[in-house]
């Protein structure tokens, strides 16, 4: 007979190495490694804090300070 068992998620084990490379004034490459043991689902979010244009799609190039998440 086959027995299936699951445990609760736990904190990851191991290091996550983050690499950032500035390509130009508007581009940054972000990469990272996974830990040795995930021990569950992992999600990552990348955000930037600094000056942004208010709404360039509507031709509003007023600069505002804030934090934005990458989609």
N, C-alpha and C. Protein backbone atom coordinates (compact mmCIF):
# COMPACT_ATOMS: atom_id res chain seq x y z
N UNK A 1 0.83 -1.19 0.00
CA UNK A 1 0.00 0.00 0.00
C UNK A 1 0.87 1.25 0.00
N UNK A 2 0.44 2.24 -0.77
CA UNK A 2 1.17 3.51 -0.84
C UNK A 2 0.61 4.48 0.19
N UNK A 3 1.50 5.12 0.94
CA UNK A 3 1.10 6.11 1.93
C UNK A 3 1.65 7.46 1.50
N UNK A 4 0.79 8.48 1.40
CA UNK A 4 1.20 9.83 1.03
C UNK A 4 1.05 10.72 2.25
N UNK A 5 2.08 11.50 2.54
CA UNK A 5 2.05 12.37 3.70
C UNK A 5 2.63 13.73 3.32
N UNK A 6 2.10 14.80 3.89
CA UNK A 6 2.63 16.14 3.65
C UNK A 6 2.89 16.82 4.98
N UNK A 7 3.87 17.71 4.98
CA UNK A 7 4.16 18.50 6.18
C UNK A 7 3.90 19.96 5.87
N UNK A 8 3.86 20.77 6.89
CA UNK A 8 3.68 22.21 6.72
C UNK A 8 4.92 22.82 6.08
N UNK A 9 4.74 23.98 5.46
CA UNK A 9 5.88 24.69 4.90
C UNK A 9 6.77 25.18 6.04
N UNK A 10 8.03 25.40 5.74
CA UNK A 10 9.00 25.89 6.71
C UNK A 10 9.87 26.93 6.03
N UNK A 11 10.72 27.57 6.81
CA UNK A 11 11.62 28.57 6.24
C UNK A 11 12.61 27.89 5.30
N UNK A 12 13.03 28.58 4.24
CA UNK A 12 14.01 27.99 3.33
C UNK A 12 15.35 27.78 4.03
N UNK A 13 16.11 26.83 3.52
CA UNK A 13 17.45 26.56 4.06
C UNK A 13 18.48 26.87 2.99
N UNK A 14 19.48 27.67 3.34
CA UNK A 14 20.52 28.04 2.39
C UNK A 14 20.47 29.52 2.07
N UNK A 15 21.38 29.94 1.24
CA UNK A 15 21.50 31.34 0.88
C UNK A 15 20.82 31.65 -0.44
N UNK A 16 20.35 32.88 -0.56
CA UNK A 16 19.87 33.42 -1.83
C UNK A 16 20.86 34.50 -2.23
N UNK A 17 21.50 34.32 -3.36
CA UNK A 17 22.49 35.29 -3.84
C UNK A 17 21.82 36.21 -4.84
N UNK A 18 21.83 37.51 -4.54
CA UNK A 18 21.19 38.52 -5.37
C UNK A 18 22.24 39.25 -6.18
N UNK A 19 22.02 39.37 -7.49
CA UNK A 19 22.93 40.11 -8.37
C UNK A 19 22.16 41.21 -9.08
N UNK A 20 22.70 42.42 -9.03
CA UNK A 20 22.12 43.58 -9.71
C UNK A 20 23.17 44.14 -10.66
N UNK A 21 22.78 44.37 -11.90
CA UNK A 21 23.67 44.97 -12.88
C UNK A 21 22.96 46.15 -13.52
N UNK A 22 23.55 47.35 -13.36
CA UNK A 22 22.98 48.54 -13.99
C UNK A 22 23.42 48.54 -15.45
N UNK A 23 22.45 48.50 -16.35
CA UNK A 23 22.73 48.48 -17.79
C UNK A 23 22.83 49.91 -18.32
N UNK A 24 21.85 50.73 -17.97
CA UNK A 24 21.87 52.14 -18.34
C UNK A 24 20.96 52.89 -17.37
N UNK A 25 20.66 54.15 -17.67
CA UNK A 25 19.88 54.98 -16.75
C UNK A 25 18.47 54.46 -16.51
N UNK A 26 17.97 53.60 -17.39
CA UNK A 26 16.59 53.12 -17.26
C UNK A 26 16.48 51.61 -17.15
N UNK A 27 17.61 50.90 -17.08
CA UNK A 27 17.57 49.44 -17.11
C UNK A 27 18.48 48.84 -16.05
N UNK A 28 17.93 47.90 -15.29
CA UNK A 28 18.70 47.14 -14.30
C UNK A 28 18.35 45.67 -14.49
N UNK A 29 19.36 44.82 -14.58
CA UNK A 29 19.14 43.37 -14.63
C UNK A 29 19.23 42.83 -13.20
N UNK A 30 18.23 42.06 -12.80
CA UNK A 30 18.20 41.48 -11.46
C UNK A 30 18.09 39.97 -11.60
N UNK A 31 19.00 39.25 -10.98
CA UNK A 31 18.93 37.78 -10.96
C UNK A 31 19.21 37.31 -9.53
N UNK A 32 18.77 36.10 -9.22
CA UNK A 32 19.03 35.53 -7.91
C UNK A 32 19.04 34.02 -8.02
N UNK A 33 19.67 33.40 -7.02
CA UNK A 33 19.71 31.95 -6.94
C UNK A 33 18.65 31.48 -5.95
N UNK A 34 18.27 30.23 -6.05
CA UNK A 34 17.35 29.64 -5.09
C UNK A 34 18.14 29.02 -3.94
N UNK A 35 17.55 28.94 -2.75
CA UNK A 35 18.24 28.26 -1.64
C UNK A 35 18.32 26.76 -1.92
N UNK A 36 19.18 26.08 -1.16
CA UNK A 36 19.36 24.64 -1.35
C UNK A 36 18.05 23.88 -1.14
N UNK A 37 17.31 24.25 -0.10
CA UNK A 37 16.03 23.59 0.18
C UNK A 37 14.94 24.65 0.27
N UNK A 38 13.96 24.56 -0.62
CA UNK A 38 12.88 25.55 -0.62
C UNK A 38 11.96 25.39 0.59
N UNK A 39 11.65 24.17 0.95
CA UNK A 39 10.74 23.86 2.07
C UNK A 39 9.36 24.49 1.90
N UNK A 40 8.91 24.64 0.67
CA UNK A 40 7.60 25.20 0.40
C UNK A 40 7.64 26.12 -0.80
N UNK A 41 6.54 26.82 -1.03
CA UNK A 41 6.46 27.75 -2.15
C UNK A 41 7.25 29.02 -1.83
N UNK A 42 7.89 29.57 -2.85
CA UNK A 42 8.62 30.83 -2.68
C UNK A 42 8.15 31.82 -3.74
N UNK A 43 8.02 33.06 -3.34
CA UNK A 43 7.73 34.13 -4.29
C UNK A 43 8.73 35.25 -4.06
N UNK A 44 9.03 35.98 -5.10
CA UNK A 44 9.96 37.09 -5.03
C UNK A 44 9.29 38.33 -5.60
N UNK A 45 9.59 39.47 -5.02
CA UNK A 45 9.13 40.75 -5.54
C UNK A 45 10.34 41.66 -5.67
N UNK A 46 10.37 42.42 -6.76
CA UNK A 46 11.46 43.37 -6.98
C UNK A 46 10.84 44.75 -7.03
N UNK A 47 11.32 45.64 -6.18
CA UNK A 47 10.81 47.01 -6.15
C UNK A 47 11.95 48.00 -6.25
N UNK A 48 11.64 49.18 -6.72
CA UNK A 48 12.63 50.25 -6.85
C UNK A 48 12.09 51.49 -6.16
N UNK A 49 12.93 52.17 -5.41
CA UNK A 49 12.58 53.42 -4.77
C UNK A 49 13.42 54.52 -5.38
N UNK A 50 12.76 55.61 -5.77
CA UNK A 50 13.48 56.73 -6.36
C UNK A 50 12.53 57.65 -7.09
N UNK A 51 13.05 58.38 -8.06
CA UNK A 51 12.24 59.30 -8.84
C UNK A 51 11.65 58.59 -10.06
N UNK A 52 10.37 58.82 -10.28
CA UNK A 52 9.66 58.25 -11.42
C UNK A 52 8.85 59.34 -12.09
N UNK A 53 8.55 59.14 -13.37
CA UNK A 53 7.63 60.04 -14.06
C UNK A 53 6.21 59.72 -13.58
N UNK A 54 5.40 60.75 -13.38
CA UNK A 54 4.05 60.58 -12.85
C UNK A 54 3.19 59.71 -13.76
N UNK A 55 3.11 60.05 -15.05
CA UNK A 55 2.28 59.29 -15.99
C UNK A 55 2.74 59.56 -17.42
N UNK A 56 3.84 58.94 -17.84
CA UNK A 56 4.36 59.25 -19.18
C UNK A 56 3.41 58.86 -20.31
N UNK A 57 2.52 57.88 -20.08
CA UNK A 57 1.55 57.51 -21.12
C UNK A 57 0.60 58.66 -21.45
N UNK A 58 0.38 59.54 -20.46
CA UNK A 58 -0.48 60.71 -20.66
C UNK A 58 0.36 61.98 -20.84
N UNK A 59 1.60 61.82 -21.20
CA UNK A 59 2.54 62.92 -21.41
C UNK A 59 2.77 63.75 -20.15
N UNK A 60 2.61 63.14 -18.97
CA UNK A 60 2.87 63.83 -17.70
C UNK A 60 4.23 63.38 -17.20
N UNK A 61 5.24 64.19 -17.43
CA UNK A 61 6.61 63.85 -17.05
C UNK A 61 7.04 64.54 -15.76
N UNK A 62 6.07 64.89 -14.93
CA UNK A 62 6.38 65.41 -13.60
C UNK A 62 7.08 64.29 -12.83
N UNK A 63 8.16 64.61 -12.11
CA UNK A 63 8.84 63.57 -11.35
C UNK A 63 8.25 63.48 -9.95
N UNK A 64 8.06 62.25 -9.50
CA UNK A 64 7.57 62.00 -8.15
C UNK A 64 8.48 60.97 -7.49
N UNK A 65 8.61 61.05 -6.17
CA UNK A 65 9.41 60.10 -5.43
C UNK A 65 8.49 59.00 -4.92
N UNK A 66 8.90 57.76 -5.08
CA UNK A 66 8.08 56.66 -4.60
C UNK A 66 8.74 55.32 -4.81
N UNK A 67 8.00 54.27 -4.51
CA UNK A 67 8.45 52.90 -4.70
C UNK A 67 7.51 52.22 -5.68
N UNK A 68 8.08 51.51 -6.63
CA UNK A 68 7.27 50.78 -7.62
C UNK A 68 7.74 49.34 -7.70
N UNK A 69 6.79 48.46 -7.91
CA UNK A 69 7.08 47.04 -8.06
C UNK A 69 7.20 46.69 -9.53
N UNK A 70 8.13 45.81 -9.85
CA UNK A 70 8.22 45.28 -11.21
C UNK A 70 7.08 44.29 -11.42
N UNK A 71 6.53 44.27 -12.58
CA UNK A 71 5.45 43.32 -12.87
C UNK A 71 6.00 42.09 -13.52
